[in-house]
Amino acid sequence: MALAREMLDAGAAQPAFVNWALKTDVGMTCGGSVKLYFEPHVAGGAGAKWPIWIFGAGHVVQALVPVLAALDCQLTVVDPRREWLDRLPRARNARYVQAELPEDLVPTMPDHAFLLCLTKGHASDRPVLQRALAERNFPFVGVIGSDAKAKVLQKELIAAGLPAKRAKEFHCPVGLPFGNNDPREIALSIVAQLLTERDRLKR
């Protein structure tokens, strides 16, 4: 586990094959040896094929992650609440990051990432959106909410210094217009929009 953490922290891209002597390397008296193969998997970093970053881990995200994890993408979910992150399913192409200031991770995102602001409320969505629009140029930025919330966000972003045109360059409400307010149906509408935008950008 310690070696795996070291490899991930160092951003290792190549696998490693190790052979440990149980007595001298591990401290076991039985002797013998063990061989282990470590293979790092990129999850949301610069090498990700289709990185999707989700800020928030609430009810909609709980329904969204199982659907996205089955697709050919790399998920990163960011939330300050460890208890909500721990409810998400484990998946080989997903990583879950606890951060007290999620917006501070926006500069670390790959340029081709799709960004979703699905946090617990307007106050925690806006700092992420502010940095995303002011400092980066992601191909897709979506925010959960209503048309009224979109207008409020635009006014606040302009007041914070963003040009009016740039302050409108996000999708809110995120998701295609079908279904009801059930988190599972919202999740499906978001997935449908993400796939539509992904395919549009490929043309």
N, C-alpha and C. Protein backbone atom coordinates (compact mmCIF):
# COMPACT_ATOMS: atom_id res chain seq x y z
N MET A 1 0.83 -1.21 0.00
CA MET A 1 0.00 0.00 0.00
C MET A 1 0.86 1.26 0.00
N ALA A 2 1.94 1.23 0.77
CA ALA A 2 2.82 2.40 0.82
C ALA A 2 3.47 2.63 -0.54
N LEU A 3 3.91 1.56 -1.20
CA LEU A 3 4.54 1.71 -2.51
C LEU A 3 3.52 2.22 -3.53
N ALA A 4 2.29 1.70 -3.46
CA ALA A 4 1.24 2.16 -4.38
C ALA A 4 0.99 3.65 -4.21
N ARG A 5 0.94 4.11 -2.95
CA ARG A 5 0.74 5.54 -2.70
C ARG A 5 1.91 6.36 -3.26
N GLU A 6 3.14 5.86 -3.07
CA GLU A 6 4.30 6.57 -3.58
C GLU A 6 4.24 6.71 -5.10
N MET A 7 3.84 5.64 -5.77
CA MET A 7 3.74 5.68 -7.22
C MET A 7 2.68 6.67 -7.68
N LEU A 8 1.53 6.67 -7.00
CA LEU A 8 0.47 7.60 -7.37
C LEU A 8 0.87 9.04 -7.09
N ASP A 9 1.49 9.27 -5.94
CA ASP A 9 1.91 10.63 -5.60
C ASP A 9 2.96 11.16 -6.57
N ALA A 10 3.79 10.25 -7.09
CA ALA A 10 4.84 10.66 -8.02
C ALA A 10 4.34 10.76 -9.45
N GLY A 11 3.08 10.39 -9.67
CA GLY A 11 2.53 10.43 -11.02
C GLY A 11 3.12 9.38 -11.94
N ALA A 12 3.49 8.22 -11.38
CA ALA A 12 4.10 7.16 -12.17
C ALA A 12 3.16 6.70 -13.28
N ALA A 13 3.71 6.51 -14.47
CA ALA A 13 2.91 6.05 -15.61
C ALA A 13 3.23 4.61 -15.98
N GLN A 14 4.42 4.12 -15.57
CA GLN A 14 4.84 2.77 -15.92
C GLN A 14 4.59 1.79 -14.77
N PRO A 15 4.24 0.54 -15.09
CA PRO A 15 4.04 -0.45 -14.03
C PRO A 15 5.36 -0.83 -13.37
N ALA A 16 5.26 -1.44 -12.21
CA ALA A 16 6.45 -1.87 -11.47
C ALA A 16 6.25 -3.31 -11.01
N PHE A 17 7.32 -4.12 -11.10
CA PHE A 17 7.29 -5.52 -10.66
C PHE A 17 8.31 -5.64 -9.54
N VAL A 18 7.89 -6.02 -8.35
CA VAL A 18 8.80 -6.07 -7.20
C VAL A 18 8.85 -7.50 -6.64
N ASN A 19 9.98 -7.82 -6.07
CA ASN A 19 10.19 -9.12 -5.44
C ASN A 19 10.73 -8.87 -4.04
N TRP A 20 9.93 -9.14 -3.02
CA TRP A 20 10.33 -8.89 -1.65
C TRP A 20 10.62 -10.20 -0.93
N ALA A 21 11.77 -10.21 -0.23
CA ALA A 21 12.09 -11.33 0.67
C ALA A 21 11.30 -11.14 1.95
N LEU A 22 10.52 -12.12 2.31
CA LEU A 22 9.62 -11.96 3.46
C LEU A 22 10.39 -11.73 4.76
N LYS A 23 11.56 -12.32 4.90
CA LYS A 23 12.31 -12.16 6.14
C LYS A 23 13.03 -10.82 6.19
N THR A 24 13.81 -10.49 5.17
CA THR A 24 14.65 -9.28 5.23
C THR A 24 13.88 -8.02 4.88
N ASP A 25 12.91 -8.10 3.95
CA ASP A 25 12.20 -6.91 3.52
C ASP A 25 10.92 -6.64 4.32
N VAL A 26 10.28 -7.71 4.77
CA VAL A 26 8.99 -7.55 5.45
C VAL A 26 9.08 -7.86 6.94
N GLY A 27 10.11 -8.61 7.35
CA GLY A 27 10.26 -8.91 8.76
C GLY A 27 9.53 -10.16 9.22
N MET A 28 9.13 -11.02 8.28
CA MET A 28 8.43 -12.25 8.65
C MET A 28 9.45 -13.37 8.84
N THR A 29 9.27 -14.19 9.87
CA THR A 29 10.25 -15.22 10.19
C THR A 29 10.12 -16.47 9.32
N CYS A 30 9.02 -16.58 8.60
CA CYS A 30 8.78 -17.81 7.83
C CYS A 30 9.68 -17.93 6.61
N GLY A 31 10.27 -16.82 6.17
CA GLY A 31 11.12 -16.85 4.99
C GLY A 31 10.29 -16.88 3.71
N GLY A 32 11.01 -17.12 2.61
CA GLY A 32 10.33 -17.13 1.33
C GLY A 32 10.30 -15.74 0.71
N SER A 33 9.57 -15.61 -0.39
CA SER A 33 9.49 -14.32 -1.07
C SER A 33 8.11 -14.16 -1.70
N VAL A 34 7.82 -12.92 -2.03
CA VAL A 34 6.55 -12.61 -2.68
C VAL A 34 6.81 -11.65 -3.83
N LYS A 35 6.15 -11.89 -4.94
CA LYS A 35 6.27 -11.01 -6.10
C LYS A 35 4.95 -10.28 -6.30
N LEU A 36 5.04 -8.96 -6.51
CA LEU A 36 3.84 -8.14 -6.70
C LEU A 36 4.00 -7.27 -7.94
N TYR A 37 2.89 -7.09 -8.64
CA TYR A 37 2.86 -6.27 -9.85
C TYR A 37 1.99 -5.05 -9.57
N PHE A 38 2.55 -3.85 -9.78
CA PHE A 38 1.83 -2.60 -9.55
C PHE A 38 1.62 -1.91 -10.90
N GLU A 39 0.36 -1.60 -11.20
CA GLU A 39 0.07 -0.92 -12.47
C GLU A 39 -0.76 0.32 -12.18
N PRO A 40 -0.19 1.52 -12.38
CA PRO A 40 -0.94 2.76 -12.12
C PRO A 40 -1.99 2.99 -13.19
N HIS A 41 -3.13 3.52 -12.78
CA HIS A 41 -4.20 3.88 -13.71
C HIS A 41 -4.47 5.36 -13.56
N VAL A 42 -4.35 6.10 -14.66
CA VAL A 42 -4.61 7.53 -14.65
C VAL A 42 -6.09 7.75 -14.35
N ALA A 43 -6.39 8.65 -13.42
CA ALA A 43 -7.79 8.96 -13.10
C ALA A 43 -7.96 10.47 -13.09
N GLY A 44 -8.29 11.02 -14.23
CA GLY A 44 -8.58 12.44 -14.31
C GLY A 44 -7.42 13.35 -14.56
N GLY A 45 -6.21 12.81 -14.72
CA GLY A 45 -5.04 13.64 -14.94
C GLY A 45 -4.85 14.00 -16.41
N ALA A 46 -3.67 14.51 -16.73
CA ALA A 46 -3.41 15.02 -18.08
C ALA A 46 -3.51 13.93 -19.13
N GLY A 47 -3.24 12.67 -18.75
CA GLY A 47 -3.28 11.60 -19.73
C GLY A 47 -4.63 10.95 -19.89
N ALA A 48 -5.63 11.42 -19.20
CA ALA A 48 -6.94 10.79 -19.25
C ALA A 48 -7.58 10.97 -20.62
N LYS A 49 -8.20 9.90 -21.13
CA LYS A 49 -8.82 9.94 -22.45
C LYS A 49 -9.99 10.91 -22.48
N TRP A 50 -10.91 10.79 -21.55
CA TRP A 50 -12.05 11.72 -21.43
C TRP A 50 -12.24 12.04 -19.95
N PRO A 51 -11.54 13.03 -19.43
CA PRO A 51 -11.64 13.35 -18.01
C PRO A 51 -12.92 14.13 -17.69
N ILE A 52 -13.64 13.67 -16.70
CA ILE A 52 -14.83 14.36 -16.21
C ILE A 52 -14.61 14.66 -14.74
N TRP A 53 -14.64 15.93 -14.39
CA TRP A 53 -14.47 16.35 -13.00
C TRP A 53 -15.81 16.80 -12.46
N ILE A 54 -16.19 16.22 -11.35
CA ILE A 54 -17.47 16.53 -10.72
C ILE A 54 -17.20 17.15 -9.36
N PHE A 55 -17.69 18.36 -9.16
CA PHE A 55 -17.56 19.01 -7.87
C PHE A 55 -18.88 18.83 -7.12
N GLY A 56 -18.81 18.09 -6.03
CA GLY A 56 -19.99 17.72 -5.27
C GLY A 56 -20.15 16.22 -5.26
N ALA A 57 -20.73 15.70 -4.18
CA ALA A 57 -20.93 14.25 -4.06
C ALA A 57 -22.30 13.92 -3.48
N GLY A 58 -23.27 14.82 -3.68
CA GLY A 58 -24.59 14.63 -3.11
C GLY A 58 -25.45 13.63 -3.86
N HIS A 59 -26.76 13.74 -3.70
CA HIS A 59 -27.69 12.73 -4.20
C HIS A 59 -27.60 12.53 -5.71
N VAL A 60 -27.53 13.61 -6.47
CA VAL A 60 -27.45 13.47 -7.92
C VAL A 60 -26.14 12.80 -8.32
N VAL A 61 -25.05 13.17 -7.68
CA VAL A 61 -23.76 12.56 -8.00
C VAL A 61 -23.74 11.09 -7.61
N GLN A 62 -24.41 10.74 -6.52
CA GLN A 62 -24.50 9.33 -6.12
C GLN A 62 -25.17 8.51 -7.22
N ALA A 63 -26.13 9.11 -7.92
CA ALA A 63 -26.80 8.42 -9.03
C ALA A 63 -26.00 8.53 -10.33
N LEU A 64 -25.21 9.58 -10.46
CA LEU A 64 -24.48 9.86 -11.69
C LEU A 64 -23.24 8.99 -11.85
N VAL A 65 -22.48 8.83 -10.78
CA VAL A 65 -21.19 8.13 -10.87
C VAL A 65 -21.32 6.69 -11.36
N PRO A 66 -22.29 5.89 -10.88
CA PRO A 66 -22.38 4.52 -11.39
C PRO A 66 -22.61 4.45 -12.90
N VAL A 67 -23.33 5.42 -13.45
CA VAL A 67 -23.57 5.43 -14.89
C VAL A 67 -22.30 5.83 -15.64
N LEU A 68 -21.66 6.90 -15.20
CA LEU A 68 -20.45 7.36 -15.88
C LEU A 68 -19.29 6.37 -15.73
N ALA A 69 -19.20 5.70 -14.59
CA ALA A 69 -18.09 4.77 -14.36
C ALA A 69 -18.10 3.60 -15.33
N ALA A 70 -19.26 3.32 -15.91
CA ALA A 70 -19.36 2.23 -16.88
C ALA A 70 -18.93 2.66 -18.27
N LEU A 71 -18.68 3.96 -18.46
CA LEU A 71 -18.29 4.47 -19.76
C LEU A 71 -16.77 4.61 -19.86
N ASP A 72 -16.29 4.91 -21.06
CA ASP A 72 -14.86 5.06 -21.30
C ASP A 72 -14.44 6.48 -20.94
N CYS A 73 -14.35 6.74 -19.65
CA CYS A 73 -13.97 8.07 -19.17
C CYS A 73 -13.17 7.91 -17.89
N GLN A 74 -12.63 9.03 -17.41
CA GLN A 74 -11.91 9.05 -16.14
C GLN A 74 -12.58 10.08 -15.23
N LEU A 75 -13.06 9.63 -14.11
CA LEU A 75 -13.83 10.47 -13.20
C LEU A 75 -12.99 10.96 -12.04
N THR A 76 -13.19 12.22 -11.69
CA THR A 76 -12.66 12.77 -10.45
C THR A 76 -13.82 13.48 -9.76
N VAL A 77 -14.10 13.08 -8.54
CA VAL A 77 -15.17 13.70 -7.75
C VAL A 77 -14.54 14.40 -6.56
N VAL A 78 -14.90 15.68 -6.40
CA VAL A 78 -14.28 16.50 -5.35
C VAL A 78 -15.38 17.00 -4.41
N ASP A 79 -15.16 16.85 -3.11
CA ASP A 79 -16.13 17.33 -2.12
C ASP A 79 -15.41 17.46 -0.78
N PRO A 80 -15.78 18.45 0.03
CA PRO A 80 -15.17 18.55 1.36
C PRO A 80 -15.70 17.52 2.35
N ARG A 81 -16.80 16.85 2.00
CA ARG A 81 -17.46 15.93 2.94
C ARG A 81 -17.03 14.48 2.69
N ARG A 82 -16.17 13.97 3.57
CA ARG A 82 -15.67 12.62 3.42
C ARG A 82 -16.80 11.59 3.46
N GLU A 83 -17.82 11.82 4.29
CA GLU A 83 -18.88 10.83 4.42
C GLU A 83 -19.65 10.64 3.12
N TRP A 84 -19.78 11.69 2.31
CA TRP A 84 -20.46 11.57 1.02
C TRP A 84 -19.55 10.91 -0.01
N LEU A 85 -18.29 11.23 0.00
CA LEU A 85 -17.35 10.57 -0.91
C LEU A 85 -17.29 9.08 -0.64
N ASP A 86 -17.35 8.70 0.63
CA ASP A 86 -17.26 7.29 0.98
C ASP A 86 -18.47 6.48 0.53
N ARG A 87 -19.57 7.14 0.21
CA ARG A 87 -20.76 6.44 -0.27
C ARG A 87 -20.68 6.09 -1.75
N LEU A 88 -19.76 6.71 -2.46
CA LEU A 88 -19.65 6.48 -3.90
C LEU A 88 -19.06 5.09 -4.17
N PRO A 89 -19.48 4.46 -5.25
CA PRO A 89 -18.96 3.11 -5.55
C PRO A 89 -17.52 3.16 -6.00
N ARG A 90 -16.77 2.13 -5.65
CA ARG A 90 -15.38 2.02 -6.11
C ARG A 90 -15.38 1.64 -7.59
N ALA A 91 -14.54 2.28 -8.35
CA ALA A 91 -14.42 1.99 -9.78
C ALA A 91 -12.99 2.23 -10.21
N ARG A 92 -12.52 1.43 -11.15
CA ARG A 92 -11.12 1.53 -11.60
C ARG A 92 -10.82 2.87 -12.26
N ASN A 93 -11.85 3.51 -12.81
CA ASN A 93 -11.63 4.77 -13.53
C ASN A 93 -12.16 5.97 -12.75
N ALA A 94 -12.23 5.85 -11.43
CA ALA A 94 -12.73 6.95 -10.61
C ALA A 94 -11.83 7.18 -9.41
N ARG A 95 -11.66 8.44 -9.07
CA ARG A 95 -10.97 8.78 -7.83
C ARG A 95 -11.79 9.84 -7.12
N TYR A 96 -11.73 9.82 -5.81
CA TYR A 96 -12.53 10.70 -4.97
C TYR A 96 -11.61 11.51 -4.07
N VAL A 97 -11.74 12.84 -4.18
CA VAL A 97 -10.80 13.74 -3.53
C VAL A 97 -11.53 14.61 -2.51
N GLN A 98 -11.09 14.55 -1.27
CA GLN A 98 -11.64 15.43 -0.23
C GLN A 98 -10.82 16.72 -0.22
N ALA A 99 -11.50 17.85 -0.36
CA ALA A 99 -10.81 19.15 -0.38
C ALA A 99 -11.69 20.18 0.30
N GLU A 100 -11.15 20.90 1.26
CA GLU A 100 -11.91 21.93 1.95
C GLU A 100 -12.23 23.10 1.04
N LEU A 101 -11.35 23.38 0.08
CA LEU A 101 -11.57 24.43 -0.91
C LEU A 101 -11.50 23.80 -2.29
N PRO A 102 -12.59 23.20 -2.74
CA PRO A 102 -12.57 22.50 -4.03
C PRO A 102 -12.12 23.37 -5.19
N GLU A 103 -12.43 24.66 -5.15
CA GLU A 103 -12.05 25.54 -6.26
C GLU A 103 -10.54 25.60 -6.47
N ASP A 104 -9.76 25.29 -5.43
CA ASP A 104 -8.31 25.32 -5.57
C ASP A 104 -7.79 24.21 -6.48
N LEU A 105 -8.61 23.23 -6.79
CA LEU A 105 -8.19 22.15 -7.67
C LEU A 105 -8.43 22.47 -9.14
N VAL A 106 -9.16 23.52 -9.43
CA VAL A 106 -9.45 23.87 -10.83
C VAL A 106 -8.17 24.07 -11.65
N PRO A 107 -7.13 24.72 -11.13
CA PRO A 107 -5.90 24.88 -11.93
C PRO A 107 -5.20 23.56 -12.23
N THR A 108 -5.49 22.49 -11.49
CA THR A 108 -4.82 21.21 -11.70
C THR A 108 -5.51 20.35 -12.75
N MET A 109 -6.66 20.77 -13.23
CA MET A 109 -7.44 19.97 -14.16
C MET A 109 -6.83 19.98 -15.56
N PRO A 110 -6.93 18.86 -16.30
CA PRO A 110 -6.45 18.86 -17.68
C PRO A 110 -7.31 19.77 -18.55
N ASP A 111 -6.71 20.31 -19.61
CA ASP A 111 -7.39 21.28 -20.45
C ASP A 111 -8.66 20.73 -21.11
N HIS A 112 -8.67 19.42 -21.39
CA HIS A 112 -9.81 18.84 -22.11
C HIS A 112 -10.86 18.24 -21.16
N ALA A 113 -10.80 18.59 -19.89
CA ALA A 113 -11.76 18.04 -18.92
C ALA A 113 -13.14 18.66 -19.09
N PHE A 114 -14.16 17.85 -18.86
CA PHE A 114 -15.53 18.33 -18.72
C PHE A 114 -15.75 18.59 -17.23
N LEU A 115 -16.31 19.74 -16.91
CA LEU A 115 -16.48 20.15 -15.51
C LEU A 115 -17.96 20.22 -15.16
N LEU A 116 -18.32 19.64 -14.03
CA LEU A 116 -19.69 19.70 -13.53
C LEU A 116 -19.68 20.28 -12.12
N CYS A 117 -20.44 21.34 -11.90
CA CYS A 117 -20.64 21.91 -10.56
C CYS A 117 -21.96 21.37 -10.02
N LEU A 118 -21.87 20.39 -9.16
CA LEU A 118 -23.06 19.77 -8.58
C LEU A 118 -22.92 19.75 -7.06
N THR A 119 -22.48 20.86 -6.50
CA THR A 119 -22.22 20.92 -5.07
C THR A 119 -23.52 21.10 -4.30
N LYS A 120 -23.39 21.26 -2.99
CA LYS A 120 -24.57 21.32 -2.13
C LYS A 120 -25.34 22.63 -2.24
N GLY A 121 -24.81 23.61 -2.97
CA GLY A 121 -25.56 24.86 -3.09
C GLY A 121 -24.85 25.92 -3.90
N HIS A 122 -25.54 27.00 -4.11
CA HIS A 122 -25.05 28.13 -4.91
C HIS A 122 -23.72 28.65 -4.39
N ALA A 123 -23.60 28.78 -3.08
CA ALA A 123 -22.39 29.38 -2.49
C ALA A 123 -21.15 28.55 -2.76
N SER A 124 -21.29 27.24 -2.88
CA SER A 124 -20.12 26.39 -3.16
C SER A 124 -19.94 26.13 -4.65
N ASP A 125 -20.98 26.33 -5.45
CA ASP A 125 -20.83 26.22 -6.91
C ASP A 125 -20.06 27.40 -7.48
N ARG A 126 -20.38 28.60 -7.01
CA ARG A 126 -19.85 29.80 -7.65
C ARG A 126 -18.33 29.92 -7.60
N PRO A 127 -17.64 29.60 -6.49
CA PRO A 127 -16.18 29.72 -6.51
C PRO A 127 -15.52 28.80 -7.54
N VAL A 128 -16.07 27.60 -7.71
CA VAL A 128 -15.53 26.69 -8.72
C VAL A 128 -15.78 27.26 -10.11
N LEU A 129 -17.00 27.72 -10.34
CA LEU A 129 -17.35 28.30 -11.64
C LEU A 129 -16.53 29.54 -11.93
N GLN A 130 -16.31 30.37 -10.94
CA GLN A 130 -15.53 31.60 -11.09
C GLN A 130 -14.13 31.29 -11.60
N ARG A 131 -13.46 30.35 -10.96
CA ARG A 131 -12.08 30.02 -11.36
C ARG A 131 -12.06 29.33 -12.72
N ALA A 132 -13.06 28.49 -12.98
CA ALA A 132 -13.10 27.77 -14.25
C ALA A 132 -13.22 28.73 -15.43
N LEU A 133 -14.08 29.73 -15.29
CA LEU A 133 -14.32 30.66 -16.39
C LEU A 133 -13.26 31.75 -16.47
N ALA A 134 -12.72 32.13 -15.33
CA ALA A 134 -11.73 33.21 -15.31
C ALA A 134 -10.33 32.74 -15.70
N GLU A 135 -10.00 31.49 -15.33
CA GLU A 135 -8.63 31.03 -15.48
C GLU A 135 -8.43 29.94 -16.53
N ARG A 136 -9.50 29.26 -16.90
CA ARG A 136 -9.36 28.11 -17.80
C ARG A 136 -10.33 28.22 -18.97
N ASN A 137 -10.24 27.27 -19.89
CA ASN A 137 -11.14 27.26 -21.05
C ASN A 137 -11.54 25.81 -21.33
N PHE A 138 -12.35 25.24 -20.47
CA PHE A 138 -12.76 23.85 -20.61
C PHE A 138 -13.80 23.70 -21.72
N PRO A 139 -13.83 22.54 -22.38
CA PRO A 139 -14.80 22.35 -23.47
C PRO A 139 -16.24 22.28 -23.00
N PHE A 140 -16.46 21.94 -21.74
CA PHE A 140 -17.84 21.87 -21.23
C PHE A 140 -17.84 22.22 -19.74
N VAL A 141 -18.73 23.13 -19.37
CA VAL A 141 -18.92 23.50 -17.96
C VAL A 141 -20.42 23.47 -17.70
N GLY A 142 -20.84 22.66 -16.76
CA GLY A 142 -22.25 22.55 -16.42
C GLY A 142 -22.49 22.79 -14.94
N VAL A 143 -23.61 23.41 -14.63
CA VAL A 143 -23.97 23.72 -13.25
C VAL A 143 -25.40 23.26 -12.99
N ILE A 144 -25.61 22.56 -11.90
CA ILE A 144 -26.95 22.14 -11.55
C ILE A 144 -27.75 23.34 -11.06
N GLY A 145 -29.04 23.38 -11.38
CA GLY A 145 -29.85 24.50 -10.92
C GLY A 145 -30.97 24.82 -11.89
N SER A 146 -31.37 26.07 -11.90
CA SER A 146 -32.50 26.52 -12.69
C SER A 146 -32.08 27.70 -13.56
N ASP A 147 -33.01 28.15 -14.42
CA ASP A 147 -32.74 29.35 -15.21
C ASP A 147 -32.51 30.56 -14.31
N ALA A 148 -33.28 30.63 -13.21
CA ALA A 148 -33.12 31.74 -12.27
C ALA A 148 -31.73 31.71 -11.63
N LYS A 149 -31.26 30.53 -11.27
CA LYS A 149 -29.92 30.43 -10.68
C LYS A 149 -28.86 30.85 -11.70
N ALA A 150 -29.06 30.47 -12.96
CA ALA A 150 -28.10 30.85 -14.00
C ALA A 150 -27.97 32.37 -14.10
N LYS A 151 -29.09 33.06 -14.04
CA LYS A 151 -29.06 34.52 -14.13
C LYS A 151 -28.34 35.15 -12.94
N VAL A 152 -28.60 34.61 -11.75
CA VAL A 152 -27.92 35.11 -10.55
C VAL A 152 -26.41 34.88 -10.66
N LEU A 153 -26.02 33.68 -11.10
CA LEU A 153 -24.61 33.38 -11.26
C LEU A 153 -23.95 34.32 -12.27
N GLN A 154 -24.62 34.57 -13.37
CA GLN A 154 -24.06 35.47 -14.38
C GLN A 154 -23.84 36.86 -13.81
N LYS A 155 -24.80 37.39 -13.07
CA LYS A 155 -24.65 38.71 -12.46
C LYS A 155 -23.47 38.75 -11.48
N GLU A 156 -23.35 37.70 -10.68
CA GLU A 156 -22.26 37.66 -9.70
C GLU A 156 -20.90 37.53 -10.39
N LEU A 157 -20.84 36.75 -11.45
CA LEU A 157 -19.58 36.58 -12.17
C LEU A 157 -19.15 37.89 -12.83
N ILE A 158 -20.11 38.60 -13.41
CA ILE A 158 -19.80 39.90 -14.02
C ILE A 158 -19.34 40.89 -12.94
N ALA A 159 -20.03 40.88 -11.80
CA ALA A 159 -19.64 41.77 -10.70
C ALA A 159 -18.24 41.46 -10.20
N ALA A 160 -17.82 40.19 -10.35
CA ALA A 160 -16.48 39.79 -9.90
C ALA A 160 -15.42 40.07 -10.95
N GLY A 161 -15.83 40.61 -12.12
CA GLY A 161 -14.84 41.01 -13.10
C GLY A 161 -14.84 40.25 -14.41
N LEU A 162 -15.69 39.26 -14.56
CA LEU A 162 -15.72 38.52 -15.82
C LEU A 162 -16.45 39.32 -16.90
N PRO A 163 -15.99 39.27 -18.15
CA PRO A 163 -16.74 39.90 -19.23
C PRO A 163 -18.12 39.26 -19.37
N ALA A 164 -19.10 40.02 -19.79
CA ALA A 164 -20.47 39.54 -19.85
C ALA A 164 -20.60 38.30 -20.72
N LYS A 165 -19.91 38.27 -21.85
CA LYS A 165 -20.00 37.11 -22.73
C LYS A 165 -19.44 35.87 -22.06
N ARG A 166 -18.30 36.01 -21.41
CA ARG A 166 -17.68 34.87 -20.75
C ARG A 166 -18.54 34.38 -19.58
N ALA A 167 -19.19 35.28 -18.91
CA ALA A 167 -20.01 34.92 -17.74
C ALA A 167 -21.22 34.07 -18.09
N LYS A 168 -21.52 33.96 -19.40
CA LYS A 168 -22.66 33.15 -19.83
C LYS A 168 -22.24 31.80 -20.41
N GLU A 169 -20.95 31.52 -20.43
CA GLU A 169 -20.46 30.33 -21.11
C GLU A 169 -20.44 29.10 -20.20
N PHE A 170 -21.61 28.77 -19.69
CA PHE A 170 -21.78 27.54 -18.94
C PHE A 170 -23.22 27.08 -19.12
N HIS A 171 -23.45 25.80 -18.88
CA HIS A 171 -24.78 25.21 -19.05
C HIS A 171 -25.48 25.11 -17.69
N CYS A 172 -26.54 25.85 -17.54
CA CYS A 172 -27.34 25.80 -16.31
C CYS A 172 -28.79 26.12 -16.68
N PRO A 173 -29.70 25.22 -16.43
CA PRO A 173 -29.53 23.92 -15.76
C PRO A 173 -28.78 22.92 -16.64
N VAL A 174 -27.87 22.18 -16.04
CA VAL A 174 -27.14 21.16 -16.78
C VAL A 174 -28.07 19.98 -17.03
N GLY A 175 -27.83 19.29 -18.14
CA GLY A 175 -28.64 18.14 -18.50
C GLY A 175 -29.63 18.47 -19.60
N LEU A 176 -30.00 17.47 -20.37
CA LEU A 176 -30.98 17.66 -21.42
C LEU A 176 -32.37 17.78 -20.80
N PRO A 177 -33.30 18.50 -21.47
CA PRO A 177 -34.61 18.78 -20.87
C PRO A 177 -35.59 17.60 -20.97
N PHE A 178 -35.35 16.59 -20.16
CA PHE A 178 -36.33 15.51 -20.04
C PHE A 178 -36.31 14.98 -18.62
N GLY A 179 -37.36 14.24 -18.26
CA GLY A 179 -37.43 13.65 -16.92
C GLY A 179 -37.93 14.62 -15.88
N ASN A 180 -37.88 14.16 -14.62
CA ASN A 180 -38.35 14.97 -13.51
C ASN A 180 -37.20 15.26 -12.55
N ASN A 181 -37.52 15.63 -11.32
CA ASN A 181 -36.49 16.03 -10.35
C ASN A 181 -35.92 14.88 -9.54
N ASP A 182 -36.26 13.67 -9.88
CA ASP A 182 -35.64 12.52 -9.22
C ASP A 182 -34.14 12.52 -9.54
N PRO A 183 -33.27 12.35 -8.54
CA PRO A 183 -31.83 12.37 -8.80
C PRO A 183 -31.38 11.43 -9.90
N ARG A 184 -32.03 10.26 -10.00
CA ARG A 184 -31.64 9.29 -11.02
C ARG A 184 -31.99 9.79 -12.42
N GLU A 185 -33.12 10.48 -12.55
CA GLU A 185 -33.49 11.01 -13.85
C GLU A 185 -32.64 12.23 -14.21
N ILE A 186 -32.31 13.04 -13.22
CA ILE A 186 -31.39 14.16 -13.47
C ILE A 186 -30.04 13.62 -13.92
N ALA A 187 -29.57 12.56 -13.26
CA ALA A 187 -28.28 11.96 -13.63
C ALA A 187 -28.29 11.48 -15.08
N LEU A 188 -29.37 10.84 -15.51
CA LEU A 188 -29.45 10.37 -16.89
C LEU A 188 -29.47 11.53 -17.88
N SER A 189 -30.14 12.62 -17.51
CA SER A 189 -30.18 13.78 -18.41
C SER A 189 -28.79 14.41 -18.54
N ILE A 190 -28.03 14.39 -17.46
CA ILE A 190 -26.67 14.93 -17.50
C ILE A 190 -25.76 14.05 -18.35
N VAL A 191 -25.85 12.75 -18.17
CA VAL A 191 -25.05 11.83 -18.98
C VAL A 191 -25.36 12.01 -20.46
N ALA A 192 -26.65 12.15 -20.78
CA ALA A 192 -27.04 12.34 -22.18
C ALA A 192 -26.42 13.60 -22.75
N GLN A 193 -26.39 14.67 -21.97
CA GLN A 193 -25.79 15.91 -22.46
C GLN A 193 -24.29 15.79 -22.61
N LEU A 194 -23.63 15.14 -21.65
CA LEU A 194 -22.19 14.96 -21.74
C LEU A 194 -21.81 14.17 -23.00
N LEU A 195 -22.53 13.10 -23.27
CA LEU A 195 -22.24 12.30 -24.46
C LEU A 195 -22.50 13.10 -25.74
N THR A 196 -23.58 13.88 -25.73
CA THR A 196 -23.89 14.72 -26.89
C THR A 196 -22.77 15.72 -27.16
N GLU A 197 -22.29 16.38 -26.11
CA GLU A 197 -21.22 17.36 -26.27
C GLU A 197 -19.91 16.70 -26.65
N ARG A 198 -19.63 15.53 -26.06
CA ARG A 198 -18.40 14.80 -26.42
C ARG A 198 -18.39 14.47 -27.91
N ASP A 199 -19.51 13.96 -28.40
CA ASP A 199 -19.58 13.56 -29.81
C ASP A 199 -19.56 14.78 -30.73
N ARG A 200 -20.17 15.87 -30.30
CA ARG A 200 -20.16 17.11 -31.10
C ARG A 200 -18.73 17.62 -31.28
N LEU A 201 -17.93 17.54 -30.22
CA LEU A 201 -16.56 18.03 -30.28
C LEU A 201 -15.67 17.15 -31.15
N LYS A 202 -16.06 15.91 -31.37
CA LYS A 202 -15.27 15.00 -32.20
C LYS A 202 -15.43 15.28 -33.69
N ARG A 203 -16.52 15.96 -34.06
CA ARG A 203 -16.79 16.18 -35.48
C ARG A 203 -15.80 17.15 -36.11
